[in-house]
Amino acid sequence: MMKIGPDTPAGLLDPDEVTAWGLVQASLQQRGCGGNGFSVREMKSIASTLNANNISAQARVLAVQYWQEYGVQMMSNIGCSS
């Protein structure tokens, strides 16, 4: 979902779901999982994503829900310890 969501034609996916998965991905990267290291540019990008003002409350609720449901499994699947 994190890879295909942004490229899926409008109307096929709920925009809040796409945003929520983007937040989940940023959370993984913030923990050092699935990123390319911790460059200043990457850290700014992660912070910008997580703190964006234009993210709806519903997208944030979904992101928390997805993290609670799938976070440990995702980290385990990519070989990242918590």
Protein backbone atom coordinates (compact mmCIF):
# COMPACT_ATOMS: atom_id res chain seq x y z
CA MET A 1 0.00 0.00 0.00
CA MET A 2 2.85 2.39 0.81
CA LYS A 3 4.34 1.92 -2.65
CA ILE A 4 1.24 1.85 -4.85
CA GLY A 5 -1.04 4.25 -2.95
CA PRO A 6 0.44 7.53 -4.21
CA ASP A 7 0.37 6.32 -7.83
CA THR A 8 -3.16 4.90 -7.79
CA PRO A 9 -5.73 6.93 -9.75
CA ALA A 10 -7.90 9.26 -7.67
CA GLY A 11 -11.09 7.70 -6.43
CA LEU A 12 -9.79 4.13 -6.17
CA LEU A 13 -8.36 4.56 -2.68
CA ASP A 14 -9.41 6.72 0.23
CA PRO A 15 -6.90 9.59 0.37
CA ASP A 16 -6.79 9.28 4.17
CA GLU A 17 -5.68 5.66 3.84
CA VAL A 18 -2.87 6.61 1.46
CA THR A 19 -1.76 9.38 3.82
CA ALA A 20 -1.98 7.06 6.83
CA TRP A 21 0.27 4.49 5.19
CA GLY A 22 2.70 7.29 4.33
CA LEU A 23 2.79 8.18 8.02
CA VAL A 24 3.42 4.54 8.90
CA GLN A 25 6.29 4.45 6.42
CA ALA A 26 7.77 7.63 7.93
CA SER A 27 7.45 6.05 11.38
CA LEU A 28 9.39 3.01 10.17
CA GLN A 29 12.08 5.23 8.69
CA GLN A 30 12.25 7.28 11.89
CA ARG A 31 13.10 4.06 13.72
CA GLY A 32 15.86 3.31 11.20
CA CYS A 33 13.82 0.69 9.37
CA GLY A 34 13.56 0.70 5.60
CA GLY A 35 15.52 3.88 5.03
CA ASN A 36 18.86 4.58 3.45
CA GLY A 37 20.56 5.80 6.58
CA PHE A 38 20.17 8.96 8.55
CA SER A 39 21.21 11.83 6.34
CA VAL A 40 20.09 15.32 7.30
CA ARG A 41 17.89 15.39 4.20
CA GLU A 42 16.19 12.12 5.14
CA MET A 43 15.60 13.23 8.73
CA LYS A 44 14.05 16.50 7.53
CA SER A 45 11.83 14.58 5.13
CA ILE A 46 10.67 12.22 7.88
CA ALA A 47 9.96 15.09 10.29
CA SER A 48 8.16 17.00 7.56
CA THR A 49 5.93 14.02 6.80
CA LEU A 50 5.10 13.26 10.42
CA ASN A 51 4.44 16.91 11.35
CA ALA A 52 2.63 18.11 8.23
CA ASN A 53 -0.26 20.45 9.00
CA ASN A 54 -2.38 19.29 6.08
CA ILE A 55 -2.87 15.74 7.36
CA SER A 56 -6.46 15.10 8.37
CA ALA A 57 -7.39 13.86 11.81
CA GLN A 58 -8.87 10.73 10.20
CA ALA A 59 -5.58 9.95 8.44
CA ARG A 60 -3.71 10.28 11.74
CA VAL A 61 -6.24 7.99 13.46
CA LEU A 62 -5.81 5.42 10.68
CA ALA A 63 -2.01 5.66 10.92
CA VAL A 64 -2.11 4.94 14.65
CA GLN A 65 -4.49 2.05 14.04
CA TYR A 66 -2.30 0.60 11.28
CA TRP A 67 0.82 0.97 13.44
CA GLN A 68 -0.86 -0.79 16.37
CA GLU A 69 -2.11 -3.60 14.15
CA TYR A 70 0.85 -4.09 11.83
CA GLY A 71 3.88 -2.22 13.19
CA VAL A 72 5.59 -5.14 14.93
CA GLN A 73 4.90 -7.46 12.00
CA MET A 74 6.26 -4.95 9.46
CA MET A 75 9.42 -4.38 11.49
CA SER A 76 9.93 -8.11 11.85
CA ASN A 77 9.34 -8.73 8.13
CA ILE A 78 12.02 -6.22 7.13
CA GLY A 79 14.46 -7.45 9.77
CA CYS A 80 14.30 -4.41 11.97
CA SER A 81 14.28 -4.73 15.74
CA SER A 82 12.06 -2.49 17.84
